[in-house]
Amino acid sequence: QVELVESGGGLVQTGGSLRLSCAAGRLSFNGFALAWFRQAPGKERKFVAGISWNGNNTYYGDFVEGRFTISRDNAKKMIYLEMSNLKPEDTSVYYCAQSRGRGDSDSRYINWGQGTQVTVSS
């Protein structure tokens, strides 16, 4: 089972930027799609962005509106989420997850990290 560990969360002002990272601590990284989800208190978990196993295809939630970019480095077993123009409504715990599917919102995700908190102040 792959361990996924997120980092890079924190407190940022409206309009600011953050870069989230997710490290896969064990094998079975290559060949799997990966994605970022988020969940705010009292709200459902929401798909943020996903990337195919080879990095050729990326998928984003409608609310992203071009502000976020997902990427992966298979050699380092890392995925990233570059977030810019952050808004208070982006405040959530962000999770990375792994899938054998395409990496979009309809894929089934089998491994999850513990999450990293992102707080955007107004």
N, C-alpha and C. Protein backbone atom coordinates (compact mmCIF):
# COMPACT_ATOMS: atom_id res chain seq x y z
N GLN A 1 0.84 -1.18 0.00
CA GLN A 1 0.00 0.00 0.00
C GLN A 1 0.88 1.24 0.00
N VAL A 2 0.52 2.18 -0.87
CA VAL A 2 1.31 3.40 -1.00
C VAL A 2 0.96 4.35 0.11
N GLU A 3 1.97 4.95 0.68
CA GLU A 3 1.73 6.01 1.65
C GLU A 3 1.80 7.34 0.93
N LEU A 4 0.83 8.16 1.11
CA LEU A 4 0.79 9.49 0.52
C LEU A 4 0.84 10.52 1.63
N VAL A 5 1.80 11.42 1.54
CA VAL A 5 1.99 12.43 2.57
C VAL A 5 1.98 13.81 1.94
N GLU A 6 1.01 14.60 2.32
CA GLU A 6 0.87 15.96 1.79
C GLU A 6 1.68 16.95 2.64
N SER A 7 2.08 18.03 2.00
CA SER A 7 2.75 19.13 2.70
C SER A 7 2.54 20.41 1.91
N GLY A 8 2.89 21.52 2.54
CA GLY A 8 2.84 22.79 1.83
C GLY A 8 1.65 23.67 2.18
N GLY A 9 0.74 23.15 2.99
CA GLY A 9 -0.39 23.97 3.38
C GLY A 9 0.04 25.08 4.32
N GLY A 10 -0.89 25.99 4.58
CA GLY A 10 -0.59 27.09 5.48
C GLY A 10 -1.62 28.18 5.38
N LEU A 11 -1.25 29.32 5.96
CA LEU A 11 -2.13 30.48 5.96
C LEU A 11 -1.63 31.48 4.91
N VAL A 12 -2.54 31.95 4.09
CA VAL A 12 -2.17 32.88 3.04
C VAL A 12 -3.30 33.90 2.90
N GLN A 13 -2.95 35.08 2.44
CA GLN A 13 -3.96 36.11 2.23
C GLN A 13 -4.67 35.92 0.89
N THR A 14 -5.84 36.50 0.78
CA THR A 14 -6.58 36.48 -0.48
C THR A 14 -5.69 37.00 -1.60
N GLY A 15 -5.69 36.26 -2.70
CA GLY A 15 -4.85 36.62 -3.84
C GLY A 15 -3.48 36.01 -3.82
N GLY A 16 -3.13 35.36 -2.72
CA GLY A 16 -1.82 34.76 -2.58
C GLY A 16 -1.71 33.41 -3.27
N SER A 17 -0.54 32.79 -3.10
CA SER A 17 -0.25 31.52 -3.75
C SER A 17 0.32 30.52 -2.76
N LEU A 18 0.11 29.27 -3.07
CA LEU A 18 0.71 28.17 -2.31
C LEU A 18 1.02 27.03 -3.27
N ARG A 19 2.00 26.25 -2.87
CA ARG A 19 2.32 25.04 -3.63
C ARG A 19 2.21 23.85 -2.69
N LEU A 20 1.29 22.98 -2.98
CA LEU A 20 1.14 21.76 -2.21
C LEU A 20 1.94 20.64 -2.86
N SER A 21 2.49 19.79 -2.02
CA SER A 21 3.24 18.63 -2.49
C SER A 21 2.67 17.37 -1.87
N CYS A 22 2.81 16.29 -2.57
CA CYS A 22 2.38 15.00 -2.05
C CYS A 22 3.43 13.97 -2.42
N ALA A 23 3.97 13.32 -1.41
CA ALA A 23 5.02 12.32 -1.62
C ALA A 23 4.45 10.92 -1.44
N ALA A 24 4.82 10.06 -2.36
CA ALA A 24 4.43 8.65 -2.25
C ALA A 24 5.61 7.91 -1.64
N GLY A 25 5.46 7.45 -0.42
CA GLY A 25 6.60 6.92 0.32
C GLY A 25 7.04 5.52 -0.07
N ARG A 26 6.22 4.78 -0.84
CA ARG A 26 6.58 3.41 -1.17
C ARG A 26 6.42 3.19 -2.67
N LEU A 27 6.42 1.96 -3.06
CA LEU A 27 6.37 1.62 -4.49
C LEU A 27 4.98 1.87 -5.05
N SER A 28 4.77 1.43 -6.28
CA SER A 28 3.47 1.51 -6.94
C SER A 28 3.02 2.93 -7.18
N PHE A 29 3.92 3.81 -7.54
CA PHE A 29 3.56 5.18 -7.91
C PHE A 29 3.36 5.29 -9.41
N ASN A 30 4.33 4.82 -10.16
CA ASN A 30 4.21 4.86 -11.62
C ASN A 30 3.04 3.99 -12.07
N GLY A 31 2.34 4.45 -13.08
CA GLY A 31 1.21 3.70 -13.59
C GLY A 31 -0.11 4.05 -12.94
N PHE A 32 -0.08 4.90 -11.93
CA PHE A 32 -1.29 5.31 -11.24
C PHE A 32 -1.58 6.78 -11.50
N ALA A 33 -2.86 7.08 -11.70
CA ALA A 33 -3.28 8.47 -11.73
C ALA A 33 -3.31 9.02 -10.31
N LEU A 34 -3.21 10.32 -10.21
CA LEU A 34 -3.21 10.97 -8.89
C LEU A 34 -4.08 12.21 -8.95
N ALA A 35 -4.57 12.60 -7.81
CA ALA A 35 -5.47 13.75 -7.78
C ALA A 35 -5.41 14.45 -6.45
N TRP A 36 -5.91 15.68 -6.46
CA TRP A 36 -6.11 16.45 -5.24
C TRP A 36 -7.61 16.63 -5.03
N PHE A 37 -8.00 16.45 -3.78
CA PHE A 37 -9.36 16.72 -3.33
C PHE A 37 -9.28 17.72 -2.19
N ARG A 38 -10.40 18.29 -1.85
CA ARG A 38 -10.44 19.15 -0.68
C ARG A 38 -11.77 18.96 0.04
N GLN A 39 -11.72 19.26 1.32
CA GLN A 39 -12.94 19.16 2.12
C GLN A 39 -12.91 20.22 3.20
N ALA A 40 -13.92 21.06 3.20
CA ALA A 40 -14.08 22.08 4.24
C ALA A 40 -15.01 21.54 5.32
N PRO A 41 -14.92 22.07 6.52
CA PRO A 41 -15.78 21.60 7.62
C PRO A 41 -17.26 21.66 7.25
N GLY A 42 -17.95 20.55 7.46
CA GLY A 42 -19.37 20.51 7.19
C GLY A 42 -19.75 20.39 5.73
N LYS A 43 -18.76 20.24 4.86
CA LYS A 43 -19.03 20.16 3.42
C LYS A 43 -18.53 18.84 2.87
N GLU A 44 -19.04 18.49 1.70
CA GLU A 44 -18.61 17.26 1.05
C GLU A 44 -17.21 17.43 0.45
N ARG A 45 -16.54 16.30 0.35
CA ARG A 45 -15.25 16.30 -0.30
C ARG A 45 -15.43 16.63 -1.79
N LYS A 46 -14.52 17.42 -2.32
CA LYS A 46 -14.65 17.91 -3.69
C LYS A 46 -13.38 17.64 -4.47
N PHE A 47 -13.55 17.21 -5.70
CA PHE A 47 -12.42 16.99 -6.60
C PHE A 47 -11.84 18.33 -7.01
N VAL A 48 -10.52 18.47 -6.88
CA VAL A 48 -9.86 19.71 -7.24
C VAL A 48 -9.14 19.58 -8.58
N ALA A 49 -8.28 18.58 -8.68
CA ALA A 49 -7.49 18.39 -9.89
C ALA A 49 -6.96 16.97 -9.94
N GLY A 50 -6.78 16.45 -11.14
CA GLY A 50 -6.23 15.11 -11.30
C GLY A 50 -5.28 15.06 -12.48
N ILE A 51 -4.40 14.07 -12.46
CA ILE A 51 -3.41 13.92 -13.52
C ILE A 51 -3.25 12.45 -13.84
N SER A 52 -3.17 12.14 -15.12
CA SER A 52 -3.05 10.75 -15.55
C SER A 52 -1.69 10.18 -15.16
N TRP A 53 -1.56 8.86 -15.32
CA TRP A 53 -0.36 8.18 -14.86
C TRP A 53 0.89 8.70 -15.55
N ASN A 54 0.76 9.13 -16.81
CA ASN A 54 1.93 9.60 -17.55
C ASN A 54 2.03 11.12 -17.59
N GLY A 55 1.09 11.79 -16.95
CA GLY A 55 1.12 13.25 -16.93
C GLY A 55 0.56 13.92 -18.16
N ASN A 56 0.10 13.15 -19.12
CA ASN A 56 -0.36 13.73 -20.37
C ASN A 56 -1.75 14.37 -20.29
N ASN A 57 -2.51 13.96 -19.32
CA ASN A 57 -3.87 14.48 -19.20
C ASN A 57 -4.11 15.03 -17.80
N THR A 58 -4.71 16.19 -17.73
CA THR A 58 -5.05 16.79 -16.45
C THR A 58 -6.53 17.16 -16.43
N TYR A 59 -7.08 17.18 -15.27
CA TYR A 59 -8.51 17.44 -15.08
C TYR A 59 -8.66 18.39 -13.89
N TYR A 60 -9.63 19.27 -13.97
CA TYR A 60 -9.83 20.26 -12.92
C TYR A 60 -11.31 20.43 -12.59
N GLY A 61 -11.55 20.72 -11.32
CA GLY A 61 -12.90 21.08 -10.93
C GLY A 61 -13.28 22.42 -11.55
N ASP A 62 -14.56 22.60 -11.78
CA ASP A 62 -15.03 23.83 -12.44
C ASP A 62 -14.64 25.08 -11.67
N PHE A 63 -14.59 24.98 -10.37
CA PHE A 63 -14.33 26.16 -9.55
C PHE A 63 -12.86 26.62 -9.65
N VAL A 64 -12.01 25.79 -10.21
CA VAL A 64 -10.59 26.15 -10.28
C VAL A 64 -10.38 27.34 -11.20
N GLU A 65 -11.06 27.36 -12.32
CA GLU A 65 -11.06 28.53 -13.22
C GLU A 65 -9.65 28.98 -13.59
N GLY A 66 -8.77 28.01 -13.83
CA GLY A 66 -7.43 28.33 -14.30
C GLY A 66 -6.46 28.78 -13.23
N ARG A 67 -6.85 28.75 -11.98
CA ARG A 67 -5.99 29.25 -10.91
C ARG A 67 -4.99 28.21 -10.40
N PHE A 68 -5.28 26.93 -10.60
CA PHE A 68 -4.46 25.85 -10.06
C PHE A 68 -3.83 25.06 -11.19
N THR A 69 -2.66 24.48 -10.91
CA THR A 69 -2.01 23.60 -11.87
C THR A 69 -1.50 22.37 -11.14
N ILE A 70 -1.87 21.21 -11.65
CA ILE A 70 -1.39 19.96 -11.08
C ILE A 70 -0.26 19.43 -11.94
N SER A 71 0.73 18.83 -11.30
CA SER A 71 1.85 18.24 -12.03
C SER A 71 2.38 17.06 -11.23
N ARG A 72 3.20 16.27 -11.88
CA ARG A 72 3.79 15.12 -11.19
C ARG A 72 5.22 14.91 -11.66
N ASP A 73 6.00 14.32 -10.77
CA ASP A 73 7.38 13.97 -11.08
C ASP A 73 7.51 12.50 -10.71
N ASN A 74 7.43 11.63 -11.70
CA ASN A 74 7.45 10.20 -11.42
C ASN A 74 8.79 9.74 -10.86
N ALA A 75 9.85 10.37 -11.25
CA ALA A 75 11.17 9.98 -10.74
C ALA A 75 11.29 10.24 -9.25
N LYS A 76 10.64 11.30 -8.79
CA LYS A 76 10.68 11.65 -7.36
C LYS A 76 9.47 11.12 -6.61
N LYS A 77 8.52 10.53 -7.34
CA LYS A 77 7.29 10.05 -6.73
C LYS A 77 6.56 11.17 -6.00
N MET A 78 6.40 12.27 -6.70
CA MET A 78 5.76 13.45 -6.13
C MET A 78 4.68 13.96 -7.06
N ILE A 79 3.63 14.52 -6.47
CA ILE A 79 2.71 15.34 -7.24
C ILE A 79 2.61 16.69 -6.55
N TYR A 80 2.21 17.68 -7.33
CA TYR A 80 2.17 19.04 -6.85
C TYR A 80 0.85 19.70 -7.25
N LEU A 81 0.49 20.70 -6.47
CA LEU A 81 -0.64 21.54 -6.84
C LEU A 81 -0.22 22.98 -6.61
N GLU A 82 -0.02 23.68 -7.71
CA GLU A 82 0.31 25.09 -7.65
C GLU A 82 -1.00 25.86 -7.62
N MET A 83 -1.19 26.65 -6.58
CA MET A 83 -2.44 27.40 -6.43
C MET A 83 -2.13 28.89 -6.40
N SER A 84 -2.82 29.64 -7.19
CA SER A 84 -2.64 31.08 -7.22
C SER A 84 -3.99 31.77 -7.14
N ASN A 85 -3.94 33.07 -6.90
CA ASN A 85 -5.17 33.87 -6.77
C ASN A 85 -6.14 33.19 -5.81
N LEU A 86 -5.64 32.81 -4.67
CA LEU A 86 -6.46 32.07 -3.71
C LEU A 86 -7.55 32.95 -3.12
N LYS A 87 -8.66 32.31 -2.82
CA LYS A 87 -9.83 32.99 -2.28
C LYS A 87 -10.19 32.38 -0.93
N PRO A 88 -10.89 33.10 -0.10
CA PRO A 88 -11.30 32.53 1.20
C PRO A 88 -12.06 31.22 1.05
N GLU A 89 -12.82 31.08 -0.01
CA GLU A 89 -13.58 29.83 -0.20
C GLU A 89 -12.69 28.64 -0.59
N ASP A 90 -11.42 28.89 -0.83
CA ASP A 90 -10.48 27.79 -1.06
C ASP A 90 -9.99 27.18 0.26
N THR A 91 -10.36 27.77 1.36
CA THR A 91 -9.97 27.25 2.66
C THR A 91 -10.54 25.85 2.85
N SER A 92 -9.67 24.88 3.05
CA SER A 92 -10.06 23.48 3.18
C SER A 92 -8.86 22.66 3.62
N VAL A 93 -9.13 21.42 3.95
CA VAL A 93 -8.06 20.44 4.03
C VAL A 93 -7.93 19.82 2.64
N TYR A 94 -6.71 19.79 2.15
CA TYR A 94 -6.43 19.26 0.82
C TYR A 94 -5.78 17.89 0.94
N TYR A 95 -6.31 16.95 0.17
CA TYR A 95 -5.85 15.57 0.21
C TYR A 95 -5.35 15.15 -1.17
N CYS A 96 -4.30 14.35 -1.19
CA CYS A 96 -3.94 13.71 -2.45
C CYS A 96 -4.42 12.26 -2.41
N ALA A 97 -4.67 11.72 -3.58
CA ALA A 97 -5.24 10.38 -3.68
C ALA A 97 -4.75 9.72 -4.96
N GLN A 98 -4.77 8.40 -4.96
CA GLN A 98 -4.24 7.60 -6.05
C GLN A 98 -5.34 6.75 -6.66
N SER A 99 -5.26 6.59 -7.97
CA SER A 99 -6.30 5.84 -8.68
C SER A 99 -5.69 5.01 -9.80
N ARG A 100 -6.35 3.90 -10.10
CA ARG A 100 -5.98 3.11 -11.27
C ARG A 100 -6.74 3.59 -12.51
N GLY A 101 -7.59 4.57 -12.33
CA GLY A 101 -8.37 5.10 -13.44
C GLY A 101 -7.66 6.24 -14.15
N ARG A 102 -8.47 7.11 -14.78
CA ARG A 102 -7.90 8.18 -15.59
C ARG A 102 -7.34 9.32 -14.75
N GLY A 103 -7.88 9.48 -13.55
CA GLY A 103 -7.44 10.60 -12.73
C GLY A 103 -8.44 11.74 -12.74
N ASP A 104 -9.64 11.50 -13.25
CA ASP A 104 -10.65 12.55 -13.24
C ASP A 104 -11.58 12.37 -12.04
N SER A 105 -12.62 13.19 -12.01
CA SER A 105 -13.51 13.16 -10.85
C SER A 105 -14.31 11.88 -10.75
N ASP A 106 -14.44 11.14 -11.85
CA ASP A 106 -15.21 9.90 -11.85
C ASP A 106 -14.39 8.68 -11.51
N SER A 107 -13.08 8.84 -11.42
CA SER A 107 -12.21 7.70 -11.13
C SER A 107 -12.41 7.25 -9.68
N ARG A 108 -12.09 6.01 -9.46
CA ARG A 108 -12.15 5.48 -8.09
C ARG A 108 -10.77 5.62 -7.48
N TYR A 109 -10.72 6.24 -6.29
CA TYR A 109 -9.45 6.51 -5.63
C TYR A 109 -9.27 5.53 -4.48
N ILE A 110 -8.12 4.89 -4.47
CA ILE A 110 -7.91 3.77 -3.56
C ILE A 110 -7.00 4.07 -2.39
N ASN A 111 -6.14 5.06 -2.52
CA ASN A 111 -5.24 5.42 -1.43
C ASN A 111 -5.33 6.92 -1.21
N TRP A 112 -5.27 7.30 0.05
CA TRP A 112 -5.44 8.70 0.41
C TRP A 112 -4.39 9.13 1.42
N GLY A 113 -4.01 10.40 1.32
CA GLY A 113 -3.13 10.96 2.33
C GLY A 113 -3.94 11.46 3.52
N GLN A 114 -3.22 12.05 4.47
CA GLN A 114 -3.84 12.54 5.71
C GLN A 114 -4.34 13.98 5.57
N GLY A 115 -3.88 14.67 4.56
CA GLY A 115 -4.37 16.02 4.32
C GLY A 115 -3.44 17.10 4.83
N THR A 116 -3.55 18.27 4.22
CA THR A 116 -2.82 19.45 4.67
C THR A 116 -3.80 20.63 4.65
N GLN A 117 -3.75 21.44 5.68
CA GLN A 117 -4.72 22.53 5.82
C GLN A 117 -4.26 23.76 5.04
N VAL A 118 -5.19 24.29 4.26
CA VAL A 118 -4.98 25.56 3.56
C VAL A 118 -6.02 26.54 4.09
N THR A 119 -5.53 27.67 4.56
CA THR A 119 -6.43 28.71 5.07
C THR A 119 -6.14 30.01 4.35
N VAL A 120 -7.18 30.57 3.76
CA VAL A 120 -7.04 31.83 3.02
C VAL A 120 -7.80 32.90 3.78
N SER A 121 -7.07 33.90 4.22
CA SER A 121 -7.69 34.98 4.99
C SER A 121 -8.17 36.09 4.07
N SER A 122 -9.26 36.71 4.48
CA SER A 122 -9.83 37.77 3.65
C SER A 122 -9.26 39.12 4.01
